[in-house]
Amino acid sequence: MPLSDGRGQGTIVGLHYDHGVLLAATAGTAGACRIEPLYGHAALAARGDAAATRLLHTAGVHLPDIRAFSYRFGDIDARTLAFAYASGLMQTLLVEPRGFQVELLVADVGPAPDEPDGPPGRHLYQVEADGRVTEIGRYAAIGDEASRALEDLDDLVRGPLDLDEAALIALRVLRRAGGGAGRGEPALAGVDDRRHRTRFYRIPPAAVERAGRLEEVSNR
């Protein structure tokens, strides 16, 4: 269930493409939407209270330290992160009725958890404020305009995507949802199995701006 606190905290979308997962966020309120790397091969996209999103990213960074008896660095994948976050959110609800007013998307690229020696795969999970976890097969949206964004994604995603196609679709969806247009360009980042030293990347703001102009032209 999307959060609807009326604070204009923005919208985030996540899309699978042929070599990874793209995450895109509207500018929103400062710090309320963030996309951050985890361990080089995973990414966290969080939307909600700025202090809570910052805290959850920090908790994800330190998860191997907290669970050192159970996990090695390479064992921390998107599924592990998603369920760790879900557990933390549910525990918070036991002592604070409102809990953390956040929604999360967690992505990674790498072998499937049950096939560590297998080929790279793409994984995307959605974590809701009450701790519910959903594995996402194609795309997801969280935030103020999640319902509208999902409707637009239903219309625009017709088949497998490459990164350029995913980026243009994400920009179009977020512009329709109120991103850009005086609020700053959306932020685009993700994880890609073609990268070697780190799978996480950010698309530079200048490239996002150019892509946004292309999207405007193609949409006329």
N, C-alpha and C. Protein backbone atom coordinates (compact mmCIF):
# COMPACT_ATOMS: atom_id res chain seq x y z
N MET A 1 0.85 -1.20 0.00
CA MET A 1 0.00 0.00 0.00
C MET A 1 0.88 1.24 0.00
N PRO A 2 0.77 2.12 -1.00
CA PRO A 2 1.60 3.32 -1.04
C PRO A 2 1.34 4.23 0.15
N LEU A 3 2.39 4.89 0.62
CA LEU A 3 2.22 5.88 1.67
C LEU A 3 1.56 7.12 1.08
N SER A 4 0.70 7.74 1.83
CA SER A 4 0.01 8.94 1.33
C SER A 4 -0.03 9.97 2.45
N ASP A 5 1.14 10.51 2.79
CA ASP A 5 1.22 11.46 3.89
C ASP A 5 1.12 12.89 3.44
N GLY A 6 1.00 13.11 2.12
CA GLY A 6 0.76 14.45 1.63
C GLY A 6 1.96 15.37 1.66
N ARG A 7 3.17 14.83 1.89
CA ARG A 7 4.33 15.69 2.01
C ARG A 7 5.12 15.81 0.72
N GLY A 8 4.61 15.29 -0.38
CA GLY A 8 5.29 15.44 -1.64
C GLY A 8 6.65 14.80 -1.67
N GLN A 9 6.75 13.57 -1.15
CA GLN A 9 8.05 12.94 -1.01
C GLN A 9 8.54 12.27 -2.28
N GLY A 10 7.75 12.32 -3.33
CA GLY A 10 8.24 11.84 -4.61
C GLY A 10 7.86 10.42 -4.93
N THR A 11 8.34 9.98 -6.10
CA THR A 11 8.02 8.67 -6.66
C THR A 11 9.30 8.02 -7.16
N ILE A 12 9.39 6.71 -7.00
CA ILE A 12 10.51 5.93 -7.50
C ILE A 12 9.98 4.79 -8.34
N VAL A 13 10.62 4.53 -9.48
CA VAL A 13 10.27 3.37 -10.30
C VAL A 13 11.51 2.49 -10.46
N GLY A 14 11.27 1.20 -10.63
CA GLY A 14 12.33 0.25 -10.91
C GLY A 14 11.93 -0.62 -12.09
N LEU A 15 12.85 -0.82 -13.02
CA LEU A 15 12.57 -1.61 -14.22
C LEU A 15 13.71 -2.59 -14.48
N HIS A 16 13.32 -3.83 -14.78
CA HIS A 16 14.29 -4.78 -15.31
C HIS A 16 14.64 -4.38 -16.75
N TYR A 17 15.91 -4.54 -17.11
CA TYR A 17 16.30 -4.46 -18.52
C TYR A 17 17.28 -5.60 -18.79
N ASP A 18 17.79 -5.71 -20.02
CA ASP A 18 18.47 -6.93 -20.42
C ASP A 18 19.74 -7.25 -19.64
N HIS A 19 20.37 -6.24 -19.03
CA HIS A 19 21.60 -6.49 -18.29
C HIS A 19 21.55 -6.03 -16.84
N GLY A 20 20.37 -5.67 -16.36
CA GLY A 20 20.34 -5.21 -14.98
C GLY A 20 18.99 -4.68 -14.55
N VAL A 21 19.03 -3.81 -13.56
CA VAL A 21 17.84 -3.16 -13.02
C VAL A 21 18.11 -1.67 -12.94
N LEU A 22 17.21 -0.88 -13.49
CA LEU A 22 17.30 0.58 -13.42
C LEU A 22 16.35 1.09 -12.35
N LEU A 23 16.84 2.04 -11.54
CA LEU A 23 16.03 2.71 -10.53
C LEU A 23 16.02 4.20 -10.84
N ALA A 24 14.86 4.82 -10.76
CA ALA A 24 14.74 6.25 -11.09
C ALA A 24 13.82 6.91 -10.08
N ALA A 25 14.25 8.09 -9.61
CA ALA A 25 13.51 8.78 -8.55
C ALA A 25 13.29 10.24 -8.91
N THR A 26 12.10 10.75 -8.60
CA THR A 26 11.84 12.18 -8.74
C THR A 26 12.61 12.95 -7.68
N ALA A 27 12.75 14.26 -7.91
CA ALA A 27 13.49 15.08 -6.95
C ALA A 27 12.81 15.07 -5.58
N GLY A 28 11.48 15.30 -5.55
CA GLY A 28 10.74 15.26 -4.30
C GLY A 28 11.30 16.20 -3.25
N THR A 29 10.95 15.97 -2.00
CA THR A 29 11.49 16.73 -0.88
C THR A 29 12.93 16.29 -0.65
N ALA A 30 13.80 17.22 -0.30
CA ALA A 30 15.22 16.92 -0.15
C ALA A 30 15.44 15.72 0.75
N GLY A 31 16.14 14.71 0.22
CA GLY A 31 16.49 13.53 1.00
C GLY A 31 15.39 12.51 1.13
N ALA A 32 14.19 12.79 0.63
CA ALA A 32 13.08 11.87 0.81
C ALA A 32 13.12 10.70 -0.17
N CYS A 33 13.76 10.87 -1.30
CA CYS A 33 14.00 9.79 -2.25
C CYS A 33 15.50 9.62 -2.39
N ARG A 34 15.99 8.42 -2.15
CA ARG A 34 17.43 8.20 -2.30
C ARG A 34 17.67 6.86 -2.97
N ILE A 35 18.72 6.83 -3.80
CA ILE A 35 19.17 5.60 -4.44
C ILE A 35 20.64 5.45 -4.08
N GLU A 36 20.98 4.35 -3.39
CA GLU A 36 22.33 4.20 -2.86
C GLU A 36 22.87 2.80 -3.18
N PRO A 37 24.19 2.68 -3.35
CA PRO A 37 24.80 1.37 -3.58
C PRO A 37 24.95 0.59 -2.28
N LEU A 38 24.94 -0.73 -2.41
CA LEU A 38 25.24 -1.62 -1.29
C LEU A 38 26.16 -2.73 -1.80
N TYR A 39 27.37 -2.75 -1.28
CA TYR A 39 28.35 -3.81 -1.58
C TYR A 39 28.79 -3.86 -3.03
N GLY A 40 28.49 -2.85 -3.81
CA GLY A 40 28.93 -2.82 -5.19
C GLY A 40 28.06 -3.57 -6.17
N HIS A 41 27.31 -4.60 -5.70
CA HIS A 41 26.49 -5.38 -6.62
C HIS A 41 25.00 -5.22 -6.35
N ALA A 42 24.62 -4.41 -5.37
CA ALA A 42 23.22 -4.22 -5.02
C ALA A 42 22.92 -2.73 -4.88
N ALA A 43 21.63 -2.41 -4.86
CA ALA A 43 21.20 -1.01 -4.74
C ALA A 43 19.94 -0.94 -3.90
N LEU A 44 19.83 0.14 -3.14
CA LEU A 44 18.65 0.43 -2.35
C LEU A 44 18.03 1.72 -2.85
N ALA A 45 16.75 1.69 -3.17
CA ALA A 45 15.98 2.90 -3.47
C ALA A 45 14.94 3.04 -2.36
N ALA A 46 14.98 4.16 -1.64
CA ALA A 46 14.10 4.36 -0.50
C ALA A 46 13.36 5.66 -0.64
N ARG A 47 12.09 5.62 -0.27
CA ARG A 47 11.26 6.82 -0.34
C ARG A 47 10.51 6.96 0.97
N GLY A 48 10.57 8.16 1.58
CA GLY A 48 9.87 8.41 2.82
C GLY A 48 10.59 9.48 3.62
N ASP A 49 10.46 9.41 4.93
CA ASP A 49 11.12 10.36 5.80
C ASP A 49 12.62 10.31 5.57
N ALA A 50 13.24 11.48 5.38
CA ALA A 50 14.65 11.54 5.01
C ALA A 50 15.55 10.89 6.05
N ALA A 51 15.27 11.12 7.33
CA ALA A 51 16.10 10.52 8.38
C ALA A 51 15.98 9.01 8.37
N ALA A 52 14.76 8.50 8.13
CA ALA A 52 14.55 7.05 8.11
C ALA A 52 15.23 6.41 6.91
N THR A 53 15.16 7.05 5.73
CA THR A 53 15.81 6.46 4.56
C THR A 53 17.32 6.42 4.75
N ARG A 54 17.88 7.45 5.37
CA ARG A 54 19.32 7.47 5.64
C ARG A 54 19.69 6.37 6.64
N LEU A 55 18.88 6.19 7.66
CA LEU A 55 19.13 5.16 8.67
C LEU A 55 19.07 3.77 8.06
N LEU A 56 18.11 3.53 7.18
CA LEU A 56 17.97 2.21 6.58
C LEU A 56 19.14 1.90 5.64
N HIS A 57 19.62 2.91 4.92
CA HIS A 57 20.79 2.67 4.09
C HIS A 57 21.99 2.30 4.95
N THR A 58 22.18 3.01 6.05
CA THR A 58 23.29 2.71 6.95
C THR A 58 23.16 1.30 7.52
N ALA A 59 21.94 0.92 7.89
CA ALA A 59 21.72 -0.43 8.42
C ALA A 59 22.07 -1.49 7.37
N GLY A 60 21.74 -1.22 6.11
CA GLY A 60 22.08 -2.16 5.05
C GLY A 60 23.58 -2.30 4.87
N VAL A 61 24.29 -1.18 4.96
CA VAL A 61 25.75 -1.20 4.83
C VAL A 61 26.36 -2.09 5.90
N HIS A 62 25.81 -2.05 7.12
CA HIS A 62 26.41 -2.76 8.25
C HIS A 62 25.80 -4.15 8.47
N LEU A 63 24.92 -4.58 7.59
CA LEU A 63 24.30 -5.89 7.78
C LEU A 63 25.33 -7.02 7.90
N PRO A 64 26.39 -7.06 7.08
CA PRO A 64 27.38 -8.14 7.25
C PRO A 64 28.05 -8.11 8.63
N ASP A 65 28.25 -6.92 9.20
CA ASP A 65 28.83 -6.83 10.54
C ASP A 65 27.87 -7.36 11.59
N ILE A 66 26.58 -7.00 11.43
CA ILE A 66 25.57 -7.41 12.40
C ILE A 66 25.39 -8.92 12.38
N ARG A 67 25.47 -9.52 11.18
CA ARG A 67 25.22 -10.96 11.04
C ARG A 67 26.47 -11.71 10.59
N ALA A 68 27.60 -11.28 11.09
CA ALA A 68 28.87 -11.87 10.64
C ALA A 68 28.92 -13.37 10.89
N PHE A 69 28.21 -13.84 11.91
CA PHE A 69 28.21 -15.26 12.19
C PHE A 69 27.47 -16.06 11.13
N SER A 70 26.64 -15.39 10.33
CA SER A 70 25.83 -16.10 9.34
C SER A 70 26.25 -15.82 7.91
N TYR A 71 26.76 -14.62 7.63
CA TYR A 71 26.95 -14.20 6.24
C TYR A 71 28.39 -13.77 5.96
N ARG A 72 28.83 -14.12 4.76
CA ARG A 72 30.03 -13.52 4.20
C ARG A 72 29.58 -12.34 3.34
N PHE A 73 30.54 -11.46 3.01
CA PHE A 73 30.23 -10.27 2.21
C PHE A 73 29.46 -10.63 0.95
N GLY A 74 29.92 -11.66 0.22
CA GLY A 74 29.29 -12.02 -1.05
C GLY A 74 27.94 -12.67 -0.92
N ASP A 75 27.55 -13.04 0.33
CA ASP A 75 26.25 -13.69 0.54
C ASP A 75 25.10 -12.69 0.61
N ILE A 76 25.40 -11.41 0.71
CA ILE A 76 24.35 -10.41 0.88
C ILE A 76 23.79 -10.03 -0.48
N ASP A 77 22.63 -10.57 -0.81
CA ASP A 77 21.99 -10.28 -2.08
C ASP A 77 20.70 -9.51 -1.83
N ALA A 78 19.99 -9.18 -2.90
CA ALA A 78 18.79 -8.36 -2.77
C ALA A 78 17.73 -9.04 -1.91
N ARG A 79 17.60 -10.34 -2.05
CA ARG A 79 16.59 -11.06 -1.26
C ARG A 79 16.92 -10.99 0.22
N THR A 80 18.19 -11.24 0.57
CA THR A 80 18.61 -11.16 1.96
C THR A 80 18.35 -9.77 2.52
N LEU A 81 18.71 -8.74 1.76
CA LEU A 81 18.49 -7.37 2.19
C LEU A 81 17.00 -7.07 2.37
N ALA A 82 16.19 -7.47 1.40
CA ALA A 82 14.76 -7.17 1.46
C ALA A 82 14.13 -7.76 2.71
N PHE A 83 14.46 -9.00 3.02
CA PHE A 83 13.84 -9.62 4.20
C PHE A 83 14.44 -9.10 5.50
N ALA A 84 15.70 -8.69 5.48
CA ALA A 84 16.27 -8.04 6.66
C ALA A 84 15.58 -6.71 6.93
N TYR A 85 15.38 -5.93 5.87
CA TYR A 85 14.65 -4.67 6.03
C TYR A 85 13.22 -4.92 6.51
N ALA A 86 12.56 -5.91 5.93
CA ALA A 86 11.18 -6.22 6.33
C ALA A 86 11.11 -6.58 7.80
N SER A 87 12.06 -7.38 8.27
CA SER A 87 12.08 -7.75 9.68
C SER A 87 12.25 -6.53 10.57
N GLY A 88 13.15 -5.63 10.17
CA GLY A 88 13.35 -4.41 10.95
C GLY A 88 12.12 -3.53 10.99
N LEU A 89 11.44 -3.39 9.85
CA LEU A 89 10.24 -2.56 9.80
C LEU A 89 9.13 -3.15 10.66
N MET A 90 8.97 -4.48 10.64
CA MET A 90 7.93 -5.11 11.46
C MET A 90 8.25 -4.98 12.94
N GLN A 91 9.51 -5.10 13.31
CA GLN A 91 9.88 -4.93 14.71
C GLN A 91 9.61 -3.51 15.18
N THR A 92 9.85 -2.53 14.31
CA THR A 92 9.58 -1.14 14.67
C THR A 92 8.10 -0.92 14.93
N LEU A 93 7.24 -1.58 14.14
CA LEU A 93 5.80 -1.43 14.31
C LEU A 93 5.32 -1.95 15.67
N LEU A 94 6.06 -2.87 16.27
CA LEU A 94 5.67 -3.41 17.57
C LEU A 94 5.80 -2.37 18.68
N VAL A 95 6.69 -1.40 18.52
CA VAL A 95 6.91 -0.40 19.57
C VAL A 95 6.45 0.99 19.16
N GLU A 96 6.23 1.20 17.87
CA GLU A 96 5.80 2.52 17.37
C GLU A 96 4.72 2.28 16.31
N PRO A 97 3.46 2.63 16.62
CA PRO A 97 2.36 2.32 15.71
C PRO A 97 2.55 2.81 14.28
N ARG A 98 3.20 3.95 14.11
CA ARG A 98 3.42 4.46 12.76
C ARG A 98 4.62 3.81 12.10
N GLY A 99 5.50 3.27 12.90
CA GLY A 99 6.69 2.64 12.34
C GLY A 99 7.53 3.64 11.54
N PHE A 100 8.38 3.10 10.66
CA PHE A 100 9.12 3.92 9.71
C PHE A 100 8.23 4.12 8.49
N GLN A 101 7.91 5.36 8.17
CA GLN A 101 7.06 5.65 7.02
C GLN A 101 7.91 5.66 5.75
N VAL A 102 8.31 4.47 5.33
CA VAL A 102 9.19 4.33 4.18
C VAL A 102 8.72 3.19 3.29
N GLU A 103 9.10 3.27 2.03
CA GLU A 103 8.92 2.19 1.07
C GLU A 103 10.26 1.98 0.38
N LEU A 104 10.55 0.74 0.04
CA LEU A 104 11.87 0.41 -0.49
C LEU A 104 11.78 -0.43 -1.76
N LEU A 105 12.77 -0.23 -2.64
CA LEU A 105 13.06 -1.16 -3.71
C LEU A 105 14.51 -1.60 -3.53
N VAL A 106 14.75 -2.89 -3.60
CA VAL A 106 16.09 -3.44 -3.43
C VAL A 106 16.42 -4.28 -4.67
N ALA A 107 17.56 -3.99 -5.30
CA ALA A 107 17.92 -4.65 -6.55
C ALA A 107 19.33 -5.19 -6.47
N ASP A 108 19.61 -6.22 -7.26
CA ASP A 108 20.98 -6.68 -7.44
C ASP A 108 21.12 -7.37 -8.78
N VAL A 109 22.35 -7.60 -9.18
CA VAL A 109 22.65 -8.47 -10.31
C VAL A 109 23.71 -9.46 -9.84
N GLY A 110 23.57 -10.69 -10.26
CA GLY A 110 24.49 -11.73 -9.85
C GLY A 110 23.82 -13.07 -10.00
N PRO A 111 24.50 -14.14 -9.64
CA PRO A 111 23.89 -15.47 -9.72
C PRO A 111 22.67 -15.56 -8.81
N ALA A 112 21.75 -16.44 -9.16
CA ALA A 112 20.60 -16.69 -8.29
C ALA A 112 21.09 -17.22 -6.95
N PRO A 113 20.39 -16.89 -5.84
CA PRO A 113 20.86 -17.31 -4.52
C PRO A 113 21.08 -18.82 -4.40
N ASP A 114 20.26 -19.62 -5.08
CA ASP A 114 20.41 -21.07 -4.98
C ASP A 114 21.33 -21.65 -6.04
N GLU A 115 21.94 -20.79 -6.88
CA GLU A 115 22.89 -21.24 -7.90
C GLU A 115 24.09 -20.29 -7.91
N PRO A 116 24.92 -20.32 -6.86
CA PRO A 116 26.00 -19.34 -6.73
C PRO A 116 27.01 -19.39 -7.86
N ASP A 117 27.11 -20.49 -8.56
CA ASP A 117 28.05 -20.59 -9.67
C ASP A 117 27.38 -20.41 -11.03
N GLY A 118 26.12 -20.02 -11.01
CA GLY A 118 25.37 -19.88 -12.25
C GLY A 118 25.60 -18.54 -12.92
N PRO A 119 24.93 -18.32 -14.04
CA PRO A 119 25.08 -17.06 -14.78
C PRO A 119 24.45 -15.89 -14.02
N PRO A 120 24.84 -14.66 -14.36
CA PRO A 120 24.24 -13.50 -13.69
C PRO A 120 22.73 -13.47 -13.87
N GLY A 121 22.06 -12.95 -12.89
CA GLY A 121 20.62 -12.77 -12.96
C GLY A 121 20.27 -11.39 -12.45
N ARG A 122 19.00 -11.01 -12.58
CA ARG A 122 18.53 -9.70 -12.14
C ARG A 122 17.43 -9.92 -11.11
N HIS A 123 17.51 -9.19 -10.02
CA HIS A 123 16.54 -9.38 -8.95
C HIS A 123 16.09 -8.02 -8.43
N LEU A 124 14.78 -7.91 -8.20
CA LEU A 124 14.19 -6.67 -7.70
C LEU A 124 13.10 -7.03 -6.71
N TYR A 125 13.17 -6.43 -5.53
CA TYR A 125 12.18 -6.67 -4.48
C TYR A 125 11.60 -5.34 -4.00
N GLN A 126 10.31 -5.37 -3.67
CA GLN A 126 9.64 -4.21 -3.09
C GLN A 126 9.32 -4.53 -1.64
N VAL A 127 9.66 -3.59 -0.74
CA VAL A 127 9.39 -3.75 0.68
C VAL A 127 8.47 -2.60 1.11
N GLU A 128 7.32 -2.93 1.65
CA GLU A 128 6.37 -1.91 2.08
C GLU A 128 6.59 -1.55 3.54
N ALA A 129 5.96 -0.48 3.97
CA ALA A 129 6.20 0.05 5.31
C ALA A 129 5.80 -0.94 6.40
N ASP A 130 4.87 -1.84 6.11
CA ASP A 130 4.44 -2.83 7.11
C ASP A 130 5.26 -4.11 7.05
N GLY A 131 6.30 -4.13 6.21
CA GLY A 131 7.17 -5.28 6.14
C GLY A 131 6.84 -6.29 5.07
N ARG A 132 5.80 -6.06 4.29
CA ARG A 132 5.48 -7.00 3.21
C ARG A 132 6.52 -6.91 2.11
N VAL A 133 6.92 -8.07 1.59
CA VAL A 133 7.94 -8.16 0.54
C VAL A 133 7.34 -8.79 -0.70
N THR A 134 7.62 -8.19 -1.86
CA THR A 134 7.17 -8.73 -3.14
C THR A 134 8.35 -8.80 -4.09
N GLU A 135 8.54 -9.96 -4.70
CA GLU A 135 9.55 -10.06 -5.74
C GLU A 135 8.95 -9.53 -7.04
N ILE A 136 9.67 -8.64 -7.71
CA ILE A 136 9.17 -7.93 -8.88
C ILE A 136 9.74 -8.56 -10.14
N GLY A 137 8.87 -8.95 -11.05
CA GLY A 137 9.32 -9.60 -12.27
C GLY A 137 9.64 -8.66 -13.40
N ARG A 138 8.96 -7.50 -13.49
CA ARG A 138 9.19 -6.59 -14.63
C ARG A 138 9.47 -5.17 -14.16
N TYR A 139 8.56 -4.59 -13.39
CA TYR A 139 8.74 -3.21 -12.95
C TYR A 139 7.90 -2.97 -11.70
N ALA A 140 8.24 -1.88 -11.00
CA ALA A 140 7.54 -1.52 -9.78
C ALA A 140 7.56 -0.01 -9.63
N ALA A 141 6.68 0.50 -8.79
CA ALA A 141 6.66 1.93 -8.47
C ALA A 141 6.24 2.10 -7.02
N ILE A 142 6.88 3.04 -6.34
CA ILE A 142 6.52 3.38 -4.96
C ILE A 142 6.44 4.90 -4.85
N GLY A 143 5.67 5.36 -3.87
CA GLY A 143 5.63 6.79 -3.62
C GLY A 143 4.30 7.43 -3.90
N ASP A 144 4.33 8.78 -3.97
CA ASP A 144 3.12 9.58 -4.08
C ASP A 144 2.25 9.19 -5.27
N GLU A 145 2.87 8.97 -6.41
CA GLU A 145 2.13 8.72 -7.66
C GLU A 145 2.36 7.29 -8.15
N ALA A 146 2.49 6.34 -7.22
CA ALA A 146 2.79 4.96 -7.61
C ALA A 146 1.71 4.37 -8.51
N SER A 147 0.45 4.62 -8.19
CA SER A 147 -0.64 4.03 -8.98
C SER A 147 -0.61 4.54 -10.41
N ARG A 148 -0.43 5.85 -10.57
CA ARG A 148 -0.36 6.41 -11.92
C ARG A 148 0.89 5.91 -12.65
N ALA A 149 2.00 5.83 -11.94
CA ALA A 149 3.23 5.35 -12.56
C ALA A 149 3.08 3.92 -13.06
N LEU A 150 2.42 3.07 -12.27
CA LEU A 150 2.22 1.69 -12.69
C LEU A 150 1.32 1.60 -13.92
N GLU A 151 0.30 2.46 -13.97
CA GLU A 151 -0.55 2.48 -15.17
C GLU A 151 0.26 2.87 -16.40
N ASP A 152 1.13 3.87 -16.26
CA ASP A 152 1.96 4.30 -17.39
C ASP A 152 2.95 3.20 -17.78
N LEU A 153 3.52 2.53 -16.80
CA LEU A 153 4.44 1.43 -17.10
C LEU A 153 3.72 0.31 -17.83
N ASP A 154 2.48 0.03 -17.43
CA ASP A 154 1.68 -0.98 -18.14
C ASP A 154 1.54 -0.62 -19.61
N ASP A 155 1.37 0.67 -19.90
CA ASP A 155 1.19 1.12 -21.28
C ASP A 155 2.49 1.12 -22.07
N LEU A 156 3.60 1.44 -21.40
CA LEU A 156 4.85 1.71 -22.12
C LEU A 156 5.77 0.51 -22.25
N VAL A 157 5.71 -0.41 -21.30
CA VAL A 157 6.61 -1.57 -21.35
C VAL A 157 5.94 -2.68 -22.14
N ARG A 158 6.44 -2.91 -23.35
CA ARG A 158 5.81 -3.88 -24.26
C ARG A 158 6.58 -5.19 -24.37
N GLY A 159 7.81 -5.19 -23.92
CA GLY A 159 8.64 -6.38 -24.05
C GLY A 159 9.97 -6.15 -23.39
N PRO A 160 10.95 -7.00 -23.65
CA PRO A 160 12.28 -6.80 -23.06
C PRO A 160 12.86 -5.44 -23.43
N LEU A 161 13.61 -4.85 -22.50
CA LEU A 161 14.17 -3.51 -22.67
C LEU A 161 15.68 -3.55 -22.62
N ASP A 162 16.33 -2.61 -23.31
CA ASP A 162 17.74 -2.35 -23.03
C ASP A 162 17.80 -1.13 -22.12
N LEU A 163 19.01 -0.73 -21.72
CA LEU A 163 19.14 0.36 -20.74
C LEU A 163 18.60 1.67 -21.29
N ASP A 164 18.88 1.99 -22.55
CA ASP A 164 18.39 3.25 -23.12
C ASP A 164 16.88 3.29 -23.11
N GLU A 165 16.25 2.18 -23.50
CA GLU A 165 14.78 2.15 -23.51
C GLU A 165 14.22 2.27 -22.10
N ALA A 166 14.84 1.57 -21.15
CA ALA A 166 14.37 1.65 -19.77
C ALA A 166 14.49 3.07 -19.22
N ALA A 167 15.60 3.74 -19.55
CA ALA A 167 15.81 5.11 -19.05
C ALA A 167 14.77 6.07 -19.62
N LEU A 168 14.50 5.97 -20.92
CA LEU A 168 13.51 6.86 -21.53
C LEU A 168 12.11 6.61 -20.96
N ILE A 169 11.77 5.34 -20.74
CA ILE A 169 10.47 5.03 -20.14
C ILE A 169 10.39 5.58 -18.72
N ALA A 170 11.45 5.39 -17.94
CA ALA A 170 11.45 5.89 -16.56
C ALA A 170 11.28 7.40 -16.53
N LEU A 171 11.98 8.11 -17.41
CA LEU A 171 11.85 9.57 -17.45
C LEU A 171 10.44 9.98 -17.84
N ARG A 172 9.88 9.31 -18.81
CA ARG A 172 8.51 9.66 -19.23
C ARG A 172 7.52 9.43 -18.09
N VAL A 173 7.66 8.30 -17.40
CA VAL A 173 6.74 7.98 -16.31
C VAL A 173 6.87 8.99 -15.17
N LEU A 174 8.10 9.35 -14.81
CA LEU A 174 8.29 10.27 -13.69
C LEU A 174 7.87 11.68 -14.04
N ARG A 175 8.06 12.08 -15.29
CA ARG A 175 7.58 13.41 -15.70
C ARG A 175 6.06 13.48 -15.61
N ARG A 176 5.40 12.42 -16.04
CA ARG A 176 3.94 12.39 -15.93
C ARG A 176 3.50 12.39 -14.46
N ALA A 177 4.35 11.81 -13.60
CA ALA A 177 4.02 11.73 -12.18
C ALA A 177 4.39 12.99 -11.42
N GLY A 178 4.95 13.97 -12.14
CA GLY A 178 5.27 15.24 -11.49
C GLY A 178 6.72 15.49 -11.26
N GLY A 179 7.60 14.60 -11.75
CA GLY A 179 9.04 14.84 -11.63
C GLY A 179 9.49 15.81 -12.70
N GLY A 180 10.66 16.41 -12.50
CA GLY A 180 11.16 17.40 -13.45
C GLY A 180 10.30 18.65 -13.39
N ALA A 181 10.18 19.34 -14.49
CA ALA A 181 9.29 20.50 -14.60
C ALA A 181 9.43 21.44 -13.41
N GLY A 182 10.66 21.97 -13.22
CA GLY A 182 10.87 22.92 -12.15
C GLY A 182 11.31 22.31 -10.84
N ARG A 183 11.30 20.98 -10.73
CA ARG A 183 11.70 20.34 -9.49
C ARG A 183 13.06 19.67 -9.62
N GLY A 184 13.75 19.88 -10.73
CA GLY A 184 15.02 19.21 -10.95
C GLY A 184 14.81 17.91 -11.69
N GLU A 185 15.86 17.49 -12.40
CA GLU A 185 15.75 16.26 -13.16
C GLU A 185 15.70 15.05 -12.23
N PRO A 186 14.99 14.00 -12.62
CA PRO A 186 15.03 12.76 -11.84
C PRO A 186 16.44 12.21 -11.73
N ALA A 187 16.68 11.42 -10.69
CA ALA A 187 17.95 10.72 -10.52
C ALA A 187 17.81 9.30 -11.04
N LEU A 188 18.77 8.86 -11.86
CA LEU A 188 18.76 7.52 -12.41
C LEU A 188 20.02 6.78 -11.99
N ALA A 189 19.85 5.55 -11.52
CA ALA A 189 20.97 4.71 -11.11
C ALA A 189 20.52 3.27 -11.23
N GLY A 190 21.45 2.35 -10.99
CA GLY A 190 21.06 0.96 -11.08
C GLY A 190 22.24 0.03 -10.92
N VAL A 191 22.01 -1.23 -11.27
CA VAL A 191 23.04 -2.26 -11.23
C VAL A 191 23.04 -2.97 -12.58
N ASP A 192 24.25 -3.29 -13.09
CA ASP A 192 24.39 -3.83 -14.44
C ASP A 192 25.44 -4.94 -14.43
N ASP A 193 25.11 -6.09 -15.02
CA ASP A 193 26.03 -7.23 -14.96
C ASP A 193 27.20 -7.11 -15.93
N ARG A 194 27.24 -6.05 -16.76
CA ARG A 194 28.38 -5.85 -17.66
C ARG A 194 29.52 -5.10 -16.99
N ARG A 195 29.25 -4.53 -15.83
CA ARG A 195 30.28 -3.80 -15.11
C ARG A 195 31.08 -4.78 -14.25
N HIS A 196 32.38 -4.52 -14.07
CA HIS A 196 33.23 -5.50 -13.41
C HIS A 196 33.65 -5.08 -12.01
N ARG A 197 34.24 -3.92 -11.85
CA ARG A 197 34.72 -3.53 -10.52
C ARG A 197 33.57 -3.31 -9.55
N THR A 198 32.53 -2.66 -10.02
CA THR A 198 31.31 -2.49 -9.23
C THR A 198 30.13 -2.55 -10.18
N ARG A 199 29.09 -3.23 -9.78
CA ARG A 199 27.91 -3.36 -10.63
C ARG A 199 27.00 -2.13 -10.56
N PHE A 200 27.18 -1.33 -9.50
CA PHE A 200 26.33 -0.15 -9.32
C PHE A 200 26.84 1.00 -10.18
N TYR A 201 25.92 1.77 -10.71
CA TYR A 201 26.27 2.96 -11.50
C TYR A 201 25.23 4.05 -11.27
N ARG A 202 25.65 5.27 -11.56
CA ARG A 202 24.72 6.40 -11.63
C ARG A 202 24.82 7.00 -13.03
N ILE A 203 23.69 7.40 -13.57
CA ILE A 203 23.70 8.11 -14.84
C ILE A 203 23.90 9.59 -14.54
N PRO A 204 24.96 10.22 -15.08
CA PRO A 204 25.26 11.61 -14.74
C PRO A 204 24.08 12.54 -15.03
N PRO A 205 23.90 13.57 -14.21
CA PRO A 205 22.78 14.50 -14.42
C PRO A 205 22.73 15.09 -15.83
N ALA A 206 23.90 15.40 -16.43
CA ALA A 206 23.90 15.96 -17.79
C ALA A 206 23.32 14.97 -18.79
N ALA A 207 23.63 13.68 -18.61
CA ALA A 207 23.09 12.65 -19.50
C ALA A 207 21.58 12.49 -19.28
N VAL A 208 21.15 12.59 -18.02
CA VAL A 208 19.71 12.52 -17.74
C VAL A 208 18.99 13.68 -18.41
N GLU A 209 19.60 14.88 -18.34
CA GLU A 209 18.98 16.05 -18.96
C GLU A 209 18.87 15.87 -20.47
N ARG A 210 19.95 15.36 -21.10
CA ARG A 210 19.90 15.12 -22.54
C ARG A 210 18.84 14.09 -22.88
N ALA A 211 18.78 13.02 -22.10
CA ALA A 211 17.76 11.99 -22.35
C ALA A 211 16.36 12.56 -22.17
N GLY A 212 16.22 13.46 -21.19
CA GLY A 212 14.92 14.08 -20.99
C GLY A 212 14.49 14.91 -22.19
N ARG A 213 15.46 15.61 -22.81
CA ARG A 213 15.12 16.38 -24.00
C ARG A 213 14.73 15.45 -25.15
N LEU A 214 15.44 14.33 -25.28
CA LEU A 214 15.08 13.35 -26.32
C LEU A 214 13.69 12.80 -26.08
N GLU A 215 13.39 12.53 -24.80
CA GLU A 215 12.07 11.99 -24.46
C GLU A 215 10.98 13.00 -24.81
N GLU A 216 11.25 14.29 -24.56
CA GLU A 216 10.27 15.32 -24.88
C GLU A 216 10.02 15.37 -26.39
N VAL A 217 11.11 15.30 -27.18
CA VAL A 217 10.96 15.34 -28.63
C VAL A 217 10.19 14.14 -29.15
N SER A 218 10.54 12.95 -28.62
CA SER A 218 9.87 11.72 -29.10
C SER A 218 8.42 11.66 -28.69
N ASN A 219 8.05 12.43 -27.67
CA ASN A 219 6.69 12.38 -27.14
C ASN A 219 5.78 13.41 -27.78
N ARG A 220 6.32 14.21 -28.70
CA ARG A 220 5.48 15.25 -29.34
C ARG A 220 4.63 14.65 -30.42
